Amino acid sequence: MKKIITYGTFDLLHPGHITLLRRAKEMGDYLIVGVSTDEFNRKKNKEAYHHFDNRKVIVEAIRYVDKVIPETNWDQKIDDIIQYDIDLFVMGNDWDGEFDFLKRYCDVIYLPRTKGISSSKIKKDRLLD
């Protein structure tokens, strides 16, 4: 069984999130998604609209996702890869090269983002209304 892992805040869910998760799942058999906790987001100077528990429930409901785990810090990725016997780490290409150090543990792929949509754009557009 080929296992894949990805991470994100997954706030203000949009078609780009779904496309990323679908494409990640197509690369293997079992997809684990690390959803950033509220505390971790605050450390990154980020505030999600939805609280972690709500974002977790939403991501768990997506048919491509097999398991959701909390992302509590930057350094947990290696431990998660080892613990869950991960074959492939997937992120959007806006992170290109940032996680190449994980290639010692599994394959790493950066997928193209869906053009014209992002949570940041949604928040910005909403402020203009």
N, C-alpha and C. Protein backbone atom coordinates (compact mmCIF):
# COMPACT_ATOMS: atom_id res chain seq x y z
N MET A 1 0.85 -1.18 0.00
CA MET A 1 0.00 0.00 0.00
C MET A 1 0.90 1.24 0.00
N LYS A 2 0.62 2.15 -0.91
CA LYS A 2 1.38 3.41 -1.00
C LYS A 2 0.66 4.49 -0.19
N LYS A 3 1.39 5.06 0.79
CA LYS A 3 0.81 6.07 1.67
C LYS A 3 1.36 7.45 1.35
N ILE A 4 0.46 8.42 1.35
CA ILE A 4 0.78 9.82 1.02
C ILE A 4 0.41 10.69 2.22
N ILE A 5 1.19 11.77 2.41
CA ILE A 5 0.85 12.74 3.46
C ILE A 5 0.98 14.15 2.89
N THR A 6 0.12 15.03 3.36
CA THR A 6 0.19 16.44 3.04
C THR A 6 -0.26 17.21 4.26
N TYR A 7 0.01 18.51 4.25
CA TYR A 7 -0.31 19.37 5.39
C TYR A 7 -0.92 20.67 4.91
N GLY A 8 -1.72 21.30 5.78
CA GLY A 8 -2.24 22.62 5.47
C GLY A 8 -3.21 23.07 6.55
N THR A 9 -3.60 24.33 6.44
CA THR A 9 -4.57 24.89 7.36
C THR A 9 -5.98 24.48 6.96
N PHE A 10 -6.24 24.44 5.65
CA PHE A 10 -7.53 24.05 5.10
C PHE A 10 -8.67 24.88 5.69
N ASP A 11 -8.45 26.18 5.74
CA ASP A 11 -9.46 27.13 6.17
C ASP A 11 -10.15 27.67 4.92
N LEU A 12 -11.40 28.01 5.00
CA LEU A 12 -12.16 28.51 3.86
C LEU A 12 -11.96 27.59 2.65
N LEU A 13 -12.38 26.35 2.83
CA LEU A 13 -12.21 25.31 1.83
C LEU A 13 -12.71 25.76 0.46
N HIS A 14 -11.93 25.50 -0.58
CA HIS A 14 -12.28 25.91 -1.93
C HIS A 14 -11.85 24.82 -2.93
N PRO A 15 -12.22 24.95 -4.20
CA PRO A 15 -11.89 23.92 -5.19
C PRO A 15 -10.39 23.61 -5.30
N GLY A 16 -9.52 24.56 -5.03
CA GLY A 16 -8.09 24.31 -5.07
C GLY A 16 -7.67 23.28 -4.03
N HIS A 17 -8.26 23.36 -2.83
CA HIS A 17 -7.97 22.37 -1.80
C HIS A 17 -8.40 20.98 -2.27
N ILE A 18 -9.60 20.90 -2.80
CA ILE A 18 -10.14 19.60 -3.24
C ILE A 18 -9.27 19.03 -4.36
N THR A 19 -8.87 19.86 -5.30
CA THR A 19 -8.03 19.40 -6.40
C THR A 19 -6.70 18.88 -5.89
N LEU A 20 -6.08 19.58 -4.96
CA LEU A 20 -4.81 19.13 -4.38
C LEU A 20 -4.99 17.77 -3.69
N LEU A 21 -6.04 17.63 -2.91
CA LEU A 21 -6.28 16.37 -2.20
C LEU A 21 -6.60 15.23 -3.17
N ARG A 22 -7.38 15.52 -4.19
CA ARG A 22 -7.71 14.49 -5.19
C ARG A 22 -6.45 14.03 -5.91
N ARG A 23 -5.62 14.98 -6.34
CA ARG A 23 -4.40 14.63 -7.06
C ARG A 23 -3.43 13.86 -6.16
N ALA A 24 -3.35 14.25 -4.90
CA ALA A 24 -2.49 13.53 -3.96
C ALA A 24 -2.97 12.09 -3.81
N LYS A 25 -4.26 11.91 -3.62
CA LYS A 25 -4.83 10.56 -3.43
C LYS A 25 -4.61 9.70 -4.67
N GLU A 26 -4.66 10.30 -5.86
CA GLU A 26 -4.46 9.54 -7.10
C GLU A 26 -3.05 8.95 -7.19
N MET A 27 -2.13 9.45 -6.37
CA MET A 27 -0.74 8.98 -6.41
C MET A 27 -0.50 7.77 -5.50
N GLY A 28 -1.54 7.34 -4.80
CA GLY A 28 -1.35 6.21 -3.90
C GLY A 28 -2.66 5.64 -3.42
N ASP A 29 -2.58 4.96 -2.28
CA ASP A 29 -3.74 4.24 -1.76
C ASP A 29 -4.35 4.85 -0.50
N TYR A 30 -3.54 5.58 0.26
CA TYR A 30 -3.98 6.03 1.58
C TYR A 30 -3.44 7.44 1.80
N LEU A 31 -4.35 8.40 2.00
CA LEU A 31 -3.96 9.80 2.15
C LEU A 31 -4.18 10.28 3.57
N ILE A 32 -3.10 10.75 4.19
CA ILE A 32 -3.15 11.36 5.52
C ILE A 32 -2.98 12.86 5.34
N VAL A 33 -3.82 13.63 6.02
CA VAL A 33 -3.76 15.09 5.95
C VAL A 33 -3.48 15.64 7.34
N GLY A 34 -2.40 16.38 7.45
CA GLY A 34 -2.10 17.10 8.68
C GLY A 34 -2.74 18.47 8.62
N VAL A 35 -3.68 18.72 9.51
CA VAL A 35 -4.37 20.01 9.56
C VAL A 35 -3.75 20.84 10.69
N SER A 36 -3.31 22.04 10.34
CA SER A 36 -2.65 22.92 11.32
C SER A 36 -3.60 23.27 12.46
N THR A 37 -3.12 23.11 13.68
CA THR A 37 -3.92 23.49 14.84
C THR A 37 -3.97 25.01 14.96
N ASP A 38 -4.91 25.50 15.74
CA ASP A 38 -5.03 26.94 15.96
C ASP A 38 -3.76 27.50 16.61
N GLU A 39 -3.22 26.75 17.56
CA GLU A 39 -2.00 27.19 18.26
C GLU A 39 -0.82 27.29 17.29
N PHE A 40 -0.68 26.31 16.40
CA PHE A 40 0.40 26.33 15.42
C PHE A 40 0.22 27.50 14.45
N ASN A 41 -1.02 27.73 14.02
CA ASN A 41 -1.27 28.87 13.13
C ASN A 41 -0.88 30.19 13.80
N ARG A 42 -1.17 30.34 15.07
CA ARG A 42 -0.80 31.57 15.77
C ARG A 42 0.72 31.75 15.81
N LYS A 43 1.46 30.65 15.96
CA LYS A 43 2.92 30.73 15.93
C LYS A 43 3.41 31.20 14.56
N LYS A 44 2.62 30.94 13.53
CA LYS A 44 2.96 31.37 12.17
C LYS A 44 2.36 32.75 11.86
N ASN A 45 1.81 33.41 12.89
CA ASN A 45 1.12 34.70 12.72
C ASN A 45 -0.04 34.61 11.74
N LYS A 46 -0.77 33.51 11.83
CA LYS A 46 -1.91 33.24 10.98
C LYS A 46 -3.12 32.99 11.88
N GLU A 47 -4.25 33.48 11.49
CA GLU A 47 -5.48 33.21 12.24
C GLU A 47 -6.50 32.62 11.27
N ALA A 48 -6.93 31.41 11.54
CA ALA A 48 -7.92 30.76 10.69
C ALA A 48 -9.32 31.27 11.03
N TYR A 49 -10.19 31.30 10.06
CA TYR A 49 -11.58 31.68 10.29
C TYR A 49 -12.28 30.58 11.11
N HIS A 50 -12.09 29.33 10.69
CA HIS A 50 -12.69 28.20 11.39
C HIS A 50 -11.69 27.64 12.40
N HIS A 51 -12.18 27.23 13.56
CA HIS A 51 -11.34 26.61 14.57
C HIS A 51 -10.91 25.22 14.09
N PHE A 52 -9.81 24.72 14.67
CA PHE A 52 -9.24 23.43 14.27
C PHE A 52 -10.27 22.31 14.23
N ASP A 53 -11.07 22.15 15.28
CA ASP A 53 -12.03 21.04 15.33
C ASP A 53 -12.98 21.08 14.15
N ASN A 54 -13.41 22.27 13.75
CA ASN A 54 -14.31 22.39 12.60
C ASN A 54 -13.58 22.09 11.29
N ARG A 55 -12.34 22.57 11.16
CA ARG A 55 -11.57 22.29 9.94
C ARG A 55 -11.28 20.80 9.83
N LYS A 56 -11.01 20.16 10.95
CA LYS A 56 -10.75 18.72 10.96
C LYS A 56 -11.99 17.95 10.49
N VAL A 57 -13.16 18.31 10.99
CA VAL A 57 -14.40 17.64 10.58
C VAL A 57 -14.63 17.82 9.08
N ILE A 58 -14.38 19.02 8.58
CA ILE A 58 -14.57 19.30 7.15
C ILE A 58 -13.63 18.45 6.31
N VAL A 59 -12.35 18.43 6.66
CA VAL A 59 -11.36 17.66 5.88
C VAL A 59 -11.65 16.16 5.97
N GLU A 60 -12.08 15.68 7.13
CA GLU A 60 -12.42 14.26 7.27
C GLU A 60 -13.58 13.86 6.35
N ALA A 61 -14.43 14.80 6.01
CA ALA A 61 -15.59 14.50 5.17
C ALA A 61 -15.24 14.42 3.68
N ILE A 62 -14.05 14.81 3.31
CA ILE A 62 -13.64 14.78 1.89
C ILE A 62 -13.30 13.34 1.52
N ARG A 63 -13.89 12.84 0.46
CA ARG A 63 -13.77 11.43 0.12
C ARG A 63 -12.36 10.96 -0.20
N TYR A 64 -11.47 11.86 -0.54
CA TYR A 64 -10.10 11.47 -0.87
C TYR A 64 -9.24 11.25 0.37
N VAL A 65 -9.71 11.72 1.51
CA VAL A 65 -8.92 11.72 2.74
C VAL A 65 -9.24 10.49 3.57
N ASP A 66 -8.18 9.77 3.96
CA ASP A 66 -8.36 8.57 4.77
C ASP A 66 -8.16 8.82 6.26
N LYS A 67 -7.29 9.78 6.59
CA LYS A 67 -7.01 10.06 8.00
C LYS A 67 -6.58 11.52 8.13
N VAL A 68 -7.03 12.16 9.22
CA VAL A 68 -6.62 13.53 9.53
C VAL A 68 -5.88 13.51 10.86
N ILE A 69 -4.73 14.18 10.88
CA ILE A 69 -3.93 14.31 12.11
C ILE A 69 -3.69 15.79 12.36
N PRO A 70 -3.48 16.17 13.61
CA PRO A 70 -3.17 17.58 13.90
C PRO A 70 -1.72 17.90 13.54
N GLU A 71 -1.51 19.03 12.90
CA GLU A 71 -0.16 19.55 12.67
C GLU A 71 0.09 20.59 13.75
N THR A 72 1.02 20.28 14.66
CA THR A 72 1.26 21.15 15.82
C THR A 72 2.55 21.94 15.73
N ASN A 73 3.46 21.54 14.82
CA ASN A 73 4.74 22.25 14.67
C ASN A 73 5.41 21.84 13.37
N TRP A 74 6.39 22.66 12.95
CA TRP A 74 7.12 22.40 11.70
C TRP A 74 7.89 21.09 11.76
N ASP A 75 8.40 20.74 12.92
CA ASP A 75 9.35 19.64 13.03
C ASP A 75 8.72 18.25 13.09
N GLN A 76 7.42 18.15 13.13
CA GLN A 76 6.80 16.84 13.28
C GLN A 76 6.78 16.03 12.00
N LYS A 77 7.08 16.63 10.87
CA LYS A 77 6.93 15.94 9.59
C LYS A 77 7.77 14.67 9.50
N ILE A 78 9.02 14.72 9.94
CA ILE A 78 9.86 13.52 9.89
C ILE A 78 9.27 12.42 10.77
N ASP A 79 8.85 12.77 11.97
CA ASP A 79 8.23 11.78 12.87
C ASP A 79 6.97 11.19 12.26
N ASP A 80 6.15 12.03 11.62
CA ASP A 80 4.92 11.54 11.00
C ASP A 80 5.24 10.58 9.85
N ILE A 81 6.24 10.94 9.05
CA ILE A 81 6.62 10.09 7.92
C ILE A 81 7.07 8.72 8.41
N ILE A 82 7.84 8.70 9.47
CA ILE A 82 8.31 7.43 10.03
C ILE A 82 7.16 6.67 10.69
N GLN A 83 6.39 7.36 11.54
CA GLN A 83 5.30 6.71 12.28
C GLN A 83 4.26 6.08 11.36
N TYR A 84 3.89 6.79 10.29
CA TYR A 84 2.84 6.31 9.40
C TYR A 84 3.37 5.58 8.17
N ASP A 85 4.70 5.36 8.11
CA ASP A 85 5.34 4.62 7.01
C ASP A 85 4.95 5.25 5.66
N ILE A 86 5.21 6.55 5.55
CA ILE A 86 4.82 7.33 4.38
C ILE A 86 5.77 7.08 3.21
N ASP A 87 5.20 6.95 2.02
CA ASP A 87 5.96 6.79 0.78
C ASP A 87 6.14 8.10 0.02
N LEU A 88 5.16 9.02 0.17
CA LEU A 88 5.16 10.24 -0.63
C LEU A 88 4.64 11.42 0.17
N PHE A 89 5.41 12.50 0.17
CA PHE A 89 5.03 13.77 0.80
C PHE A 89 4.63 14.71 -0.33
N VAL A 90 3.44 15.29 -0.23
CA VAL A 90 2.90 16.16 -1.28
C VAL A 90 2.55 17.53 -0.70
N MET A 91 2.97 18.58 -1.41
CA MET A 91 2.60 19.96 -1.05
C MET A 91 2.36 20.75 -2.33
N GLY A 92 1.72 21.89 -2.20
CA GLY A 92 1.55 22.78 -3.34
C GLY A 92 2.88 23.38 -3.75
N ASN A 93 2.98 23.75 -5.03
CA ASN A 93 4.27 24.23 -5.53
C ASN A 93 4.65 25.63 -5.04
N ASP A 94 3.78 26.27 -4.27
CA ASP A 94 4.20 27.52 -3.64
C ASP A 94 5.22 27.24 -2.53
N TRP A 95 5.38 25.97 -2.17
CA TRP A 95 6.38 25.53 -1.19
C TRP A 95 7.58 24.87 -1.86
N ASP A 96 7.70 25.04 -3.17
CA ASP A 96 8.74 24.36 -3.95
C ASP A 96 10.12 24.44 -3.30
N GLY A 97 10.70 23.28 -3.03
CA GLY A 97 12.04 23.18 -2.47
C GLY A 97 12.11 23.23 -0.95
N GLU A 98 11.07 23.73 -0.29
CA GLU A 98 11.10 23.92 1.16
C GLU A 98 11.17 22.61 1.95
N PHE A 99 10.68 21.53 1.35
CA PHE A 99 10.65 20.26 2.07
C PHE A 99 11.53 19.20 1.41
N ASP A 100 12.50 19.63 0.62
CA ASP A 100 13.40 18.68 -0.03
C ASP A 100 14.19 17.86 0.98
N PHE A 101 14.40 18.38 2.19
CA PHE A 101 15.13 17.63 3.22
C PHE A 101 14.42 16.32 3.58
N LEU A 102 13.12 16.23 3.26
CA LEU A 102 12.37 15.02 3.56
C LEU A 102 12.65 13.89 2.57
N LYS A 103 13.38 14.19 1.49
CA LYS A 103 13.70 13.17 0.49
C LYS A 103 14.56 12.05 1.07
N ARG A 104 15.13 12.27 2.24
CA ARG A 104 15.88 11.21 2.93
C ARG A 104 14.94 10.13 3.46
N TYR A 105 13.65 10.48 3.59
CA TYR A 105 12.68 9.59 4.23
C TYR A 105 11.60 9.07 3.27
N CYS A 106 11.30 9.84 2.23
CA CYS A 106 10.25 9.46 1.29
C CYS A 106 10.39 10.32 0.03
N ASP A 107 9.59 10.03 -0.98
CA ASP A 107 9.56 10.88 -2.16
C ASP A 107 8.82 12.17 -1.82
N VAL A 108 9.19 13.26 -2.49
CA VAL A 108 8.57 14.57 -2.26
C VAL A 108 8.13 15.13 -3.61
N ILE A 109 6.87 15.55 -3.67
CA ILE A 109 6.32 16.13 -4.90
C ILE A 109 5.60 17.43 -4.56
N TYR A 110 5.82 18.44 -5.41
CA TYR A 110 5.14 19.73 -5.29
C TYR A 110 4.16 19.84 -6.45
N LEU A 111 2.87 19.90 -6.13
CA LEU A 111 1.84 19.97 -7.16
C LEU A 111 1.49 21.43 -7.47
N PRO A 112 1.19 21.72 -8.74
CA PRO A 112 0.77 23.08 -9.09
C PRO A 112 -0.53 23.45 -8.37
N ARG A 113 -0.60 24.68 -7.92
CA ARG A 113 -1.81 25.20 -7.28
C ARG A 113 -2.85 25.52 -8.35
N THR A 114 -4.11 25.54 -7.96
CA THR A 114 -5.19 25.93 -8.85
C THR A 114 -5.10 27.44 -9.05
N LYS A 115 -4.97 27.85 -10.29
CA LYS A 115 -4.80 29.28 -10.59
C LYS A 115 -6.05 30.08 -10.23
N GLY A 116 -5.82 31.26 -9.67
CA GLY A 116 -6.90 32.21 -9.44
C GLY A 116 -7.68 32.03 -8.16
N ILE A 117 -7.31 31.04 -7.33
CA ILE A 117 -8.04 30.85 -6.08
C ILE A 117 -7.09 30.47 -4.96
N SER A 118 -7.33 31.06 -3.81
CA SER A 118 -6.59 30.71 -2.59
C SER A 118 -7.39 31.23 -1.41
N SER A 119 -7.12 30.70 -0.24
CA SER A 119 -7.80 31.20 0.96
C SER A 119 -7.46 32.67 1.18
N SER A 120 -6.21 33.05 0.91
CA SER A 120 -5.81 34.45 1.08
C SER A 120 -6.60 35.36 0.14
N LYS A 121 -6.80 34.91 -1.10
CA LYS A 121 -7.58 35.71 -2.06
C LYS A 121 -9.03 35.83 -1.61
N ILE A 122 -9.59 34.73 -1.11
CA ILE A 122 -10.98 34.77 -0.63
C ILE A 122 -11.11 35.78 0.51
N LYS A 123 -10.16 35.75 1.47
CA LYS A 123 -10.20 36.69 2.59
C LYS A 123 -10.07 38.12 2.09
N LYS A 124 -9.15 38.35 1.16
CA LYS A 124 -8.95 39.69 0.61
C LYS A 124 -10.20 40.18 -0.14
N ASP A 125 -10.76 39.32 -0.99
CA ASP A 125 -11.96 39.69 -1.75
C ASP A 125 -13.11 39.98 -0.81
N ARG A 126 -13.22 39.23 0.27
CA ARG A 126 -14.32 39.41 1.23
C ARG A 126 -14.20 40.76 1.92
N LEU A 127 -12.97 41.20 2.18
CA LEU A 127 -12.76 42.50 2.81
C LEU A 127 -13.17 43.65 1.89
N LEU A 128 -13.15 43.40 0.59
CA LEU A 128 -13.51 44.43 -0.39
C LEU A 128 -15.02 44.57 -0.55
N ASP A 129 -15.78 43.55 -0.11
CA ASP A 129 -17.25 43.60 -0.24
C ASP A 129 -17.85 44.69 0.61
